[in-house]
Amino acid sequence: IDCRFSLDDPTYGRRAYEEGHLPG
């Protein structure tokens, strides 16, 4: 489970996930 987030940019985590995440 990818839990990336930024308090300064709440949309960051989803964007970062779409740009590249661990397989599966």
mmCIF file of all heavy atoms, coordinates in Angstrom:
data_MODEL
# 
_entry.id   MODEL 
# 
loop_
_atom_site.group_PDB 
_atom_site.id 
_atom_site.type_symbol 
_atom_site.label_atom_id 
_atom_site.label_alt_id 
_atom_site.label_comp_id 
_atom_site.label_asym_id 
_atom_site.label_entity_id 
_atom_site.label_seq_id 
_atom_site.pdbx_PDB_ins_code 
_atom_site.Cartn_x 
_atom_site.Cartn_y 
_atom_site.Cartn_z 
_atom_site.occupancy 
_atom_site.B_iso_or_equiv 
_atom_site.pdbx_formal_charge 
_atom_site.auth_seq_id 
_atom_site.auth_comp_id 
_atom_site.auth_asym_id 
_atom_site.auth_atom_id 
_atom_site.pdbx_PDB_model_num 
ATOM 1   N N   . ILE A 1 1  ? 0.846  -1.198 0.000   1.00 0.00 ? 1  ILE A N   1 
ATOM 2   C CA  . ILE A 1 1  ? 0.000  0.000  0.000   1.00 0.00 ? 1  ILE A CA  1 
ATOM 3   C C   . ILE A 1 1  ? 0.877  1.243  0.000   1.00 0.00 ? 1  ILE A C   1 
ATOM 4   O O   . ILE A 1 1  ? 1.737  1.421  0.867   1.00 0.00 ? 1  ILE A O   1 
ATOM 5   C CB  . ILE A 1 1  ? -0.955 0.013  1.204   1.00 0.00 ? 1  ILE A CB  1 
ATOM 6   C CG1 . ILE A 1 1  ? -1.853 -1.229 1.179   1.00 0.00 ? 1  ILE A CG1 1 
ATOM 7   C CG2 . ILE A 1 1  ? -1.809 1.276  1.186   1.00 0.00 ? 1  ILE A CG2 1 
ATOM 8   C CD1 . ILE A 1 1  ? -2.809 -1.327 2.351   1.00 0.00 ? 1  ILE A CD1 1 
ATOM 9   N N   . ASP A 1 2  ? 0.667  2.078  -0.994  1.00 0.00 ? 2  ASP A N   1 
ATOM 10  C CA  . ASP A 1 2  ? 1.379  3.342  -1.165  1.00 0.00 ? 2  ASP A CA  1 
ATOM 11  C C   . ASP A 1 2  ? 0.635  4.408  -0.367  1.00 0.00 ? 2  ASP A C   1 
ATOM 12  O O   . ASP A 1 2  ? -0.531 4.700  -0.628  1.00 0.00 ? 2  ASP A O   1 
ATOM 13  C CB  . ASP A 1 2  ? 1.401  3.690  -2.659  1.00 0.00 ? 2  ASP A CB  1 
ATOM 14  C CG  . ASP A 1 2  ? 2.212  4.927  -2.997  1.00 0.00 ? 2  ASP A CG  1 
ATOM 15  O OD1 . ASP A 1 2  ? 2.166  5.902  -2.225  1.00 0.00 ? 2  ASP A OD1 1 
ATOM 16  O OD2 . ASP A 1 2  ? 2.862  4.941  -4.057  1.00 0.00 ? 2  ASP A OD2 1 
ATOM 17  N N   . CYS A 1 3  ? 1.314  5.014  0.611   1.00 0.00 ? 3  CYS A N   1 
ATOM 18  C CA  . CYS A 1 3  ? 0.681  5.986  1.516   1.00 0.00 ? 3  CYS A CA  1 
ATOM 19  C C   . CYS A 1 3  ? 1.243  7.392  1.335   1.00 0.00 ? 3  CYS A C   1 
ATOM 20  O O   . CYS A 1 3  ? 1.123  8.234  2.243   1.00 0.00 ? 3  CYS A O   1 
ATOM 21  C CB  . CYS A 1 3  ? 0.885  5.548  2.968   1.00 0.00 ? 3  CYS A CB  1 
ATOM 22  S SG  . CYS A 1 3  ? 0.301  3.893  3.360   1.00 0.00 ? 3  CYS A SG  1 
ATOM 23  N N   . ARG A 1 4  ? 1.801  7.681  0.197   1.00 0.00 ? 4  ARG A N   1 
ATOM 24  C CA  . ARG A 1 4  ? 2.425  8.994  0.016   1.00 0.00 ? 4  ARG A CA  1 
ATOM 25  C C   . ARG A 1 4  ? 1.403  10.132 0.125   1.00 0.00 ? 4  ARG A C   1 
ATOM 26  O O   . ARG A 1 4  ? 0.268  10.009 -0.314  1.00 0.00 ? 4  ARG A O   1 
ATOM 27  C CB  . ARG A 1 4  ? 3.149  9.060  -1.327  1.00 0.00 ? 4  ARG A CB  1 
ATOM 28  C CG  . ARG A 1 4  ? 4.469  8.312  -1.332  1.00 0.00 ? 4  ARG A CG  1 
ATOM 29  C CD  . ARG A 1 4  ? 5.129  8.354  -2.678  1.00 0.00 ? 4  ARG A CD  1 
ATOM 30  N NE  . ARG A 1 4  ? 4.476  7.454  -3.639  1.00 0.00 ? 4  ARG A NE  1 
ATOM 31  C CZ  . ARG A 1 4  ? 4.796  7.394  -4.926  1.00 0.00 ? 4  ARG A CZ  1 
ATOM 32  N NH1 . ARG A 1 4  ? 5.743  8.188  -5.409  1.00 0.00 ? 4  ARG A NH1 1 
ATOM 33  N NH2 . ARG A 1 4  ? 4.174  6.542  -5.722  1.00 0.00 ? 4  ARG A NH2 1 
ATOM 34  N N   . PHE A 1 5  ? 1.853  11.226 0.721   1.00 0.00 ? 5  PHE A N   1 
ATOM 35  C CA  . PHE A 1 5  ? 0.985  12.380 0.929   1.00 0.00 ? 5  PHE A CA  1 
ATOM 36  C C   . PHE A 1 5  ? 1.865  13.597 1.192   1.00 0.00 ? 5  PHE A C   1 
ATOM 37  O O   . PHE A 1 5  ? 3.023  13.471 1.582   1.00 0.00 ? 5  PHE A O   1 
ATOM 38  C CB  . PHE A 1 5  ? 0.052  12.143 2.129   1.00 0.00 ? 5  PHE A CB  1 
ATOM 39  C CG  . PHE A 1 5  ? -1.021 13.186 2.281   1.00 0.00 ? 5  PHE A CG  1 
ATOM 40  C CD1 . PHE A 1 5  ? -2.147 13.154 1.493   1.00 0.00 ? 5  PHE A CD1 1 
ATOM 41  C CD2 . PHE A 1 5  ? -0.884 14.205 3.223   1.00 0.00 ? 5  PHE A CD2 1 
ATOM 42  C CE1 . PHE A 1 5  ? -3.139 14.124 1.627   1.00 0.00 ? 5  PHE A CE1 1 
ATOM 43  C CE2 . PHE A 1 5  ? -1.866 15.178 3.364   1.00 0.00 ? 5  PHE A CE2 1 
ATOM 44  C CZ  . PHE A 1 5  ? -2.997 15.131 2.566   1.00 0.00 ? 5  PHE A CZ  1 
ATOM 45  N N   . SER A 1 6  ? 1.302  14.773 0.976   1.00 0.00 ? 6  SER A N   1 
ATOM 46  C CA  . SER A 1 6  ? 1.978  16.020 1.323   1.00 0.00 ? 6  SER A CA  1 
ATOM 47  C C   . SER A 1 6  ? 0.973  16.949 1.983   1.00 0.00 ? 6  SER A C   1 
ATOM 48  O O   . SER A 1 6  ? -0.093 17.222 1.414   1.00 0.00 ? 6  SER A O   1 
ATOM 49  C CB  . SER A 1 6  ? 2.558  16.700 0.079   1.00 0.00 ? 6  SER A CB  1 
ATOM 50  O OG  . SER A 1 6  ? 3.032  18.000 0.398   1.00 0.00 ? 6  SER A OG  1 
ATOM 51  N N   . LEU A 1 7  ? 1.299  17.426 3.169   1.00 0.00 ? 7  LEU A N   1 
ATOM 52  C CA  . LEU A 1 7  ? 0.412  18.364 3.855   1.00 0.00 ? 7  LEU A CA  1 
ATOM 53  C C   . LEU A 1 7  ? 0.279  19.665 3.075   1.00 0.00 ? 7  LEU A C   1 
ATOM 54  O O   . LEU A 1 7  ? -0.752 20.350 3.165   1.00 0.00 ? 7  LEU A O   1 
ATOM 55  C CB  . LEU A 1 7  ? 0.943  18.655 5.262   1.00 0.00 ? 7  LEU A CB  1 
ATOM 56  C CG  . LEU A 1 7  ? 0.965  17.467 6.235   1.00 0.00 ? 7  LEU A CG  1 
ATOM 57  C CD1 . LEU A 1 7  ? 1.624  17.881 7.546   1.00 0.00 ? 7  LEU A CD1 1 
ATOM 58  C CD2 . LEU A 1 7  ? -0.445 16.941 6.489   1.00 0.00 ? 7  LEU A CD2 1 
ATOM 59  N N   . ASP A 1 8  ? 1.298  20.015 2.298   1.00 0.00 ? 8  ASP A N   1 
ATOM 60  C CA  . ASP A 1 8  ? 1.262  21.244 1.512   1.00 0.00 ? 8  ASP A CA  1 
ATOM 61  C C   . ASP A 1 8  ? 0.489  21.095 0.213   1.00 0.00 ? 8  ASP A C   1 
ATOM 62  O O   . ASP A 1 8  ? 0.069  22.093 -0.374  1.00 0.00 ? 8  ASP A O   1 
ATOM 63  C CB  . ASP A 1 8  ? 2.695  21.715 1.187   1.00 0.00 ? 8  ASP A CB  1 
ATOM 64  C CG  . ASP A 1 8  ? 3.487  22.053 2.430   1.00 0.00 ? 8  ASP A CG  1 
ATOM 65  O OD1 . ASP A 1 8  ? 2.873  22.532 3.404   1.00 0.00 ? 8  ASP A OD1 1 
ATOM 66  O OD2 . ASP A 1 8  ? 4.711  21.831 2.433   1.00 0.00 ? 8  ASP A OD2 1 
ATOM 67  N N   . ASP A 1 9  ? 0.315  19.857 -0.250  1.00 0.00 ? 9  ASP A N   1 
ATOM 68  C CA  . ASP A 1 9  ? -0.353 19.605 -1.528  1.00 0.00 ? 9  ASP A CA  1 
ATOM 69  C C   . ASP A 1 9  ? -1.118 18.294 -1.421  1.00 0.00 ? 9  ASP A C   1 
ATOM 70  O O   . ASP A 1 9  ? -0.576 17.231 -1.728  1.00 0.00 ? 9  ASP A O   1 
ATOM 71  C CB  . ASP A 1 9  ? 0.687  19.544 -2.655  1.00 0.00 ? 9  ASP A CB  1 
ATOM 72  C CG  . ASP A 1 9  ? 0.067  19.277 -4.015  1.00 0.00 ? 9  ASP A CG  1 
ATOM 73  O OD1 . ASP A 1 9  ? -1.176 19.179 -4.104  1.00 0.00 ? 9  ASP A OD1 1 
ATOM 74  O OD2 . ASP A 1 9  ? 0.823  19.161 -5.001  1.00 0.00 ? 9  ASP A OD2 1 
ATOM 75  N N   . PRO A 1 10 ? -2.366 18.332 -0.987  1.00 0.00 ? 10 PRO A N   1 
ATOM 76  C CA  . PRO A 1 10 ? -3.121 17.098 -0.760  1.00 0.00 ? 10 PRO A CA  1 
ATOM 77  C C   . PRO A 1 10 ? -3.313 16.224 -1.995  1.00 0.00 ? 10 PRO A C   1 
ATOM 78  O O   . PRO A 1 10 ? -3.633 15.046 -1.863  1.00 0.00 ? 10 PRO A O   1 
ATOM 79  C CB  . PRO A 1 10 ? -4.471 17.611 -0.241  1.00 0.00 ? 10 PRO A CB  1 
ATOM 80  C CG  . PRO A 1 10 ? -4.178 18.943 0.351   1.00 0.00 ? 10 PRO A CG  1 
ATOM 81  C CD  . PRO A 1 10 ? -3.113 19.526 -0.523  1.00 0.00 ? 10 PRO A CD  1 
ATOM 82  N N   . THR A 1 11 ? -3.104 16.769 -3.178  1.00 0.00 ? 11 THR A N   1 
ATOM 83  C CA  . THR A 1 11 ? -3.241 15.953 -4.396  1.00 0.00 ? 11 THR A CA  1 
ATOM 84  C C   . THR A 1 11 ? -1.934 15.265 -4.780  1.00 0.00 ? 11 THR A C   1 
ATOM 85  O O   . THR A 1 11 ? -1.910 14.467 -5.717  1.00 0.00 ? 11 THR A O   1 
ATOM 86  C CB  . THR A 1 11 ? -3.708 16.815 -5.580  1.00 0.00 ? 11 THR A CB  1 
ATOM 87  O OG1 . THR A 1 11 ? -2.681 17.768 -5.918  1.00 0.00 ? 11 THR A OG1 1 
ATOM 88  C CG2 . THR A 1 11 ? -4.992 17.564 -5.230  1.00 0.00 ? 11 THR A CG2 1 
ATOM 89  N N   . TYR A 1 12 ? -0.867 15.573 -4.059  1.00 0.00 ? 12 TYR A N   1 
ATOM 90  C CA  . TYR A 1 12 ? 0.451  15.039 -4.429  1.00 0.00 ? 12 TYR A CA  1 
ATOM 91  C C   . TYR A 1 12 ? 0.498  13.517 -4.431  1.00 0.00 ? 12 TYR A C   1 
ATOM 92  O O   . TYR A 1 12 ? 1.024  12.892 -5.356  1.00 0.00 ? 12 TYR A O   1 
ATOM 93  C CB  . TYR A 1 12 ? 1.525  15.583 -3.483  1.00 0.00 ? 12 TYR A CB  1 
ATOM 94  C CG  . TYR A 1 12 ? 2.780  14.740 -3.473  1.00 0.00 ? 12 TYR A CG  1 
ATOM 95  C CD1 . TYR A 1 12 ? 3.690  14.793 -4.526  1.00 0.00 ? 12 TYR A CD1 1 
ATOM 96  C CD2 . TYR A 1 12 ? 3.034  13.841 -2.431  1.00 0.00 ? 12 TYR A CD2 1 
ATOM 97  C CE1 . TYR A 1 12 ? 4.823  13.990 -4.537  1.00 0.00 ? 12 TYR A CE1 1 
ATOM 98  C CE2 . TYR A 1 12 ? 4.154  13.038 -2.432  1.00 0.00 ? 12 TYR A CE2 1 
ATOM 99  C CZ  . TYR A 1 12 ? 5.048  13.120 -3.483  1.00 0.00 ? 12 TYR A CZ  1 
ATOM 100 O OH  . TYR A 1 12 ? 6.156  12.308 -3.502  1.00 0.00 ? 12 TYR A OH  1 
ATOM 101 N N   . GLY A 1 13 ? -0.025 12.895 -3.395  1.00 0.00 ? 13 GLY A N   1 
ATOM 102 C CA  . GLY A 1 13 ? 0.105  11.448 -3.262  1.00 0.00 ? 13 GLY A CA  1 
ATOM 103 C C   . GLY A 1 13 ? -0.493 10.703 -4.429  1.00 0.00 ? 13 GLY A C   1 
ATOM 104 O O   . GLY A 1 13 ? 0.135  9.798  -4.996  1.00 0.00 ? 13 GLY A O   1 
ATOM 105 N N   . ARG A 1 14 ? -1.721 11.047 -4.807  1.00 0.00 ? 14 ARG A N   1 
ATOM 106 C CA  . ARG A 1 14 ? -2.364 10.393 -5.941  1.00 0.00 ? 14 ARG A CA  1 
ATOM 107 C C   . ARG A 1 14 ? -1.581 10.631 -7.222  1.00 0.00 ? 14 ARG A C   1 
ATOM 108 O O   . ARG A 1 14 ? -1.386 9.704  -8.016  1.00 0.00 ? 14 ARG A O   1 
ATOM 109 C CB  . ARG A 1 14 ? -3.798 10.901 -6.079  1.00 0.00 ? 14 ARG A CB  1 
ATOM 110 C CG  . ARG A 1 14 ? -4.512 10.450 -7.346  1.00 0.00 ? 14 ARG A CG  1 
ATOM 111 C CD  . ARG A 1 14 ? -4.713 8.952  -7.411  1.00 0.00 ? 14 ARG A CD  1 
ATOM 112 N NE  . ARG A 1 14 ? -5.713 8.492  -6.451  1.00 0.00 ? 14 ARG A NE  1 
ATOM 113 C CZ  . ARG A 1 14 ? -6.089 7.210  -6.375  1.00 0.00 ? 14 ARG A CZ  1 
ATOM 114 N NH1 . ARG A 1 14 ? -5.542 6.298  -7.173  1.00 0.00 ? 14 ARG A NH1 1 
ATOM 115 N NH2 . ARG A 1 14 ? -6.995 6.849  -5.485  1.00 0.00 ? 14 ARG A NH2 1 
ATOM 116 N N   . ARG A 1 15 ? -1.120 11.872 -7.450  1.00 0.00 ? 15 ARG A N   1 
ATOM 117 C CA  . ARG A 1 15 ? -0.333 12.165 -8.653  1.00 0.00 ? 15 ARG A CA  1 
ATOM 118 C C   . ARG A 1 15 ? 0.940  11.339 -8.677  1.00 0.00 ? 15 ARG A C   1 
ATOM 119 O O   . ARG A 1 15 ? 1.300  10.756 -9.706  1.00 0.00 ? 15 ARG A O   1 
ATOM 120 C CB  . ARG A 1 15 ? 0.038  13.655 -8.709  1.00 0.00 ? 15 ARG A CB  1 
ATOM 121 C CG  . ARG A 1 15 ? -1.061 14.586 -9.074  1.00 0.00 ? 15 ARG A CG  1 
ATOM 122 C CD  . ARG A 1 15 ? -0.509 15.917 -9.604  1.00 0.00 ? 15 ARG A CD  1 
ATOM 123 N NE  . ARG A 1 15 ? 0.661  16.391 -8.889  1.00 0.00 ? 15 ARG A NE  1 
ATOM 124 C CZ  . ARG A 1 15 ? 0.617  17.124 -7.785  1.00 0.00 ? 15 ARG A CZ  1 
ATOM 125 N NH1 . ARG A 1 15 ? -0.552 17.448 -7.253  1.00 0.00 ? 15 ARG A NH1 1 
ATOM 126 N NH2 . ARG A 1 15 ? 1.738  17.549 -7.222  1.00 0.00 ? 15 ARG A NH2 1 
ATOM 127 N N   . ALA A 1 16 ? 1.628  11.292 -7.549  1.00 0.00 ? 16 ALA A N   1 
ATOM 128 C CA  . ALA A 1 16 ? 2.883  10.544 -7.481  1.00 0.00 ? 16 ALA A CA  1 
ATOM 129 C C   . ALA A 1 16 ? 2.636  9.065  -7.749  1.00 0.00 ? 16 ALA A C   1 
ATOM 130 O O   . ALA A 1 16 ? 3.427  8.406  -8.436  1.00 0.00 ? 16 ALA A O   1 
ATOM 131 C CB  . ALA A 1 16 ? 3.537  10.744 -6.114  1.00 0.00 ? 16 ALA A CB  1 
ATOM 132 N N   . TYR A 1 17 ? 1.544  8.540  -7.201  1.00 0.00 ? 17 TYR A N   1 
ATOM 133 C CA  . TYR A 1 17 ? 1.201  7.131  -7.433  1.00 0.00 ? 17 TYR A CA  1 
ATOM 134 C C   . TYR A 1 17 ? 0.973  6.874  -8.920  1.00 0.00 ? 17 TYR A C   1 
ATOM 135 O O   . TYR A 1 17 ? 1.466  5.880  -9.470  1.00 0.00 ? 17 TYR A O   1 
ATOM 136 C CB  . TYR A 1 17 ? -0.047 6.778  -6.633  1.00 0.00 ? 17 TYR A CB  1 
ATOM 137 C CG  . TYR A 1 17 ? -0.578 5.383  -6.896  1.00 0.00 ? 17 TYR A CG  1 
ATOM 138 C CD1 . TYR A 1 17 ? -0.032 4.272  -6.256  1.00 0.00 ? 17 TYR A CD1 1 
ATOM 139 C CD2 . TYR A 1 17 ? -1.634 5.173  -7.784  1.00 0.00 ? 17 TYR A CD2 1 
ATOM 140 C CE1 . TYR A 1 17 ? -0.513 2.996  -6.501  1.00 0.00 ? 17 TYR A CE1 1 
ATOM 141 C CE2 . TYR A 1 17 ? -2.126 3.903  -8.032  1.00 0.00 ? 17 TYR A CE2 1 
ATOM 142 C CZ  . TYR A 1 17 ? -1.569 2.820  -7.384  1.00 0.00 ? 17 TYR A CZ  1 
ATOM 143 O OH  . TYR A 1 17 ? -2.041 1.556  -7.635  1.00 0.00 ? 17 TYR A OH  1 
ATOM 144 N N   . GLU A 1 18 ? 0.235  7.755  -9.577  1.00 0.00 ? 18 GLU A N   1 
ATOM 145 C CA  . GLU A 1 18 ? -0.041 7.568  -10.998 1.00 0.00 ? 18 GLU A CA  1 
ATOM 146 C C   . GLU A 1 18 ? 1.232  7.669  -11.840 1.00 0.00 ? 18 GLU A C   1 
ATOM 147 O O   . GLU A 1 18 ? 1.355  7.020  -12.882 1.00 0.00 ? 18 GLU A O   1 
ATOM 148 C CB  . GLU A 1 18 ? -1.062 8.607  -11.474 1.00 0.00 ? 18 GLU A CB  1 
ATOM 149 C CG  . GLU A 1 18 ? -2.418 8.539  -10.779 1.00 0.00 ? 18 GLU A CG  1 
ATOM 150 C CD  . GLU A 1 18 ? -3.214 7.287  -11.133 1.00 0.00 ? 18 GLU A CD  1 
ATOM 151 O OE1 . GLU A 1 18 ? -2.779 6.526  -12.014 1.00 0.00 ? 18 GLU A OE1 1 
ATOM 152 O OE2 . GLU A 1 18 ? -4.275 7.074  -10.519 1.00 0.00 ? 18 GLU A OE2 1 
ATOM 153 N N   . GLU A 1 19 ? 2.196  8.461  -11.377 1.00 0.00 ? 19 GLU A N   1 
ATOM 154 C CA  . GLU A 1 19 ? 3.448  8.623  -12.118 1.00 0.00 ? 19 GLU A CA  1 
ATOM 155 C C   . GLU A 1 19 ? 4.399  7.454  -11.935 1.00 0.00 ? 19 GLU A C   1 
ATOM 156 O O   . GLU A 1 19 ? 5.314  7.259  -12.739 1.00 0.00 ? 19 GLU A O   1 
ATOM 157 C CB  . GLU A 1 19 ? 4.136  9.924  -11.694 1.00 0.00 ? 19 GLU A CB  1 
ATOM 158 C CG  . GLU A 1 19 ? 3.384  11.177 -12.134 1.00 0.00 ? 19 GLU A CG  1 
ATOM 159 C CD  . GLU A 1 19 ? 3.900  12.432 -11.467 1.00 0.00 ? 19 GLU A CD  1 
ATOM 160 O OE1 . GLU A 1 19 ? 4.883  12.318 -10.674 1.00 0.00 ? 19 GLU A OE1 1 
ATOM 161 O OE2 . GLU A 1 19 ? 3.339  13.512 -11.701 1.00 0.00 ? 19 GLU A OE2 1 
ATOM 162 N N   . GLY A 1 20 ? 4.211  6.666  -10.895 1.00 0.00 ? 20 GLY A N   1 
ATOM 163 C CA  . GLY A 1 20 ? 5.068  5.505  -10.677 1.00 0.00 ? 20 GLY A CA  1 
ATOM 164 C C   . GLY A 1 20 ? 5.006  5.018  -9.249  1.00 0.00 ? 20 GLY A C   1 
ATOM 165 O O   . GLY A 1 20 ? 5.185  5.805  -8.319  1.00 0.00 ? 20 GLY A O   1 
ATOM 166 N N   . HIS A 1 21 ? 4.733  3.720  -9.084  1.00 0.00 ? 21 HIS A N   1 
ATOM 167 C CA  . HIS A 1 21 ? 4.622  3.129  -7.757  1.00 0.00 ? 21 HIS A CA  1 
ATOM 168 C C   . HIS A 1 21 ? 5.202  1.727  -7.780  1.00 0.00 ? 21 HIS A C   1 
ATOM 169 O O   . HIS A 1 21 ? 5.543  1.190  -8.847  1.00 0.00 ? 21 HIS A O   1 
ATOM 170 C CB  . HIS A 1 21 ? 3.162  3.085  -7.302  1.00 0.00 ? 21 HIS A CB  1 
ATOM 171 C CG  . HIS A 1 21 ? 2.241  2.453  -8.307  1.00 0.00 ? 21 HIS A CG  1 
ATOM 172 N ND1 . HIS A 1 21 ? 1.522  3.187  -9.228  1.00 0.00 ? 21 HIS A ND1 1 
ATOM 173 C CD2 . HIS A 1 21 ? 1.945  1.163  -8.569  1.00 0.00 ? 21 HIS A CD2 1 
ATOM 174 C CE1 . HIS A 1 21 ? 0.822  2.378  -9.993  1.00 0.00 ? 21 HIS A CE1 1 
ATOM 175 N NE2 . HIS A 1 21 ? 1.064  1.143  -9.621  1.00 0.00 ? 21 HIS A NE2 1 
ATOM 176 N N   . LEU A 1 22 ? 5.322  1.118  -6.605  1.00 0.00 ? 22 LEU A N   1 
ATOM 177 C CA  . LEU A 1 22 ? 5.834  -0.243 -6.538  1.00 0.00 ? 22 LEU A CA  1 
ATOM 178 C C   . LEU A 1 22 ? 4.872  -1.179 -7.259  1.00 0.00 ? 22 LEU A C   1 
ATOM 179 O O   . LEU A 1 22 ? 3.653  -0.995 -7.201  1.00 0.00 ? 22 LEU A O   1 
ATOM 180 C CB  . LEU A 1 22 ? 5.987  -0.689 -5.082  1.00 0.00 ? 22 LEU A CB  1 
ATOM 181 C CG  . LEU A 1 22 ? 7.336  -0.409 -4.413  1.00 0.00 ? 22 LEU A CG  1 
ATOM 182 C CD1 . LEU A 1 22 ? 7.597  1.080  -4.308  1.00 0.00 ? 22 LEU A CD1 1 
ATOM 183 C CD2 . LEU A 1 22 ? 7.399  -1.067 -3.044  1.00 0.00 ? 22 LEU A CD2 1 
ATOM 184 N N   . PRO A 1 23 ? 5.400  -2.174 -7.947  1.00 0.00 ? 23 PRO A N   1 
ATOM 185 C CA  . PRO A 1 23 ? 4.526  -3.123 -8.644  1.00 0.00 ? 23 PRO A CA  1 
ATOM 186 C C   . PRO A 1 23 ? 3.495  -3.743 -7.699  1.00 0.00 ? 23 PRO A C   1 
ATOM 187 O O   . PRO A 1 23 ? 3.840  -4.234 -6.626  1.00 0.00 ? 23 PRO A O   1 
ATOM 188 C CB  . PRO A 1 23 ? 5.506  -4.171 -9.169  1.00 0.00 ? 23 PRO A CB  1 
ATOM 189 C CG  . PRO A 1 23 ? 6.795  -3.432 -9.333  1.00 0.00 ? 23 PRO A CG  1 
ATOM 190 C CD  . PRO A 1 23 ? 6.827  -2.462 -8.190  1.00 0.00 ? 23 PRO A CD  1 
ATOM 191 N N   . GLY A 1 24 ? 2.239  -3.697 -8.102  1.00 0.00 ? 24 GLY A N   1 
ATOM 192 C CA  . GLY A 1 24 ? 1.163  -4.290 -7.319  1.00 0.00 ? 24 GLY A CA  1 
ATOM 193 C C   . GLY A 1 24 ? 0.609  -3.427 -6.216  1.00 0.00 ? 24 GLY A C   1 
ATOM 194 O O   . GLY A 1 24 ? -0.334 -3.829 -5.528  1.00 0.00 ? 24 GLY A O   1 
# 
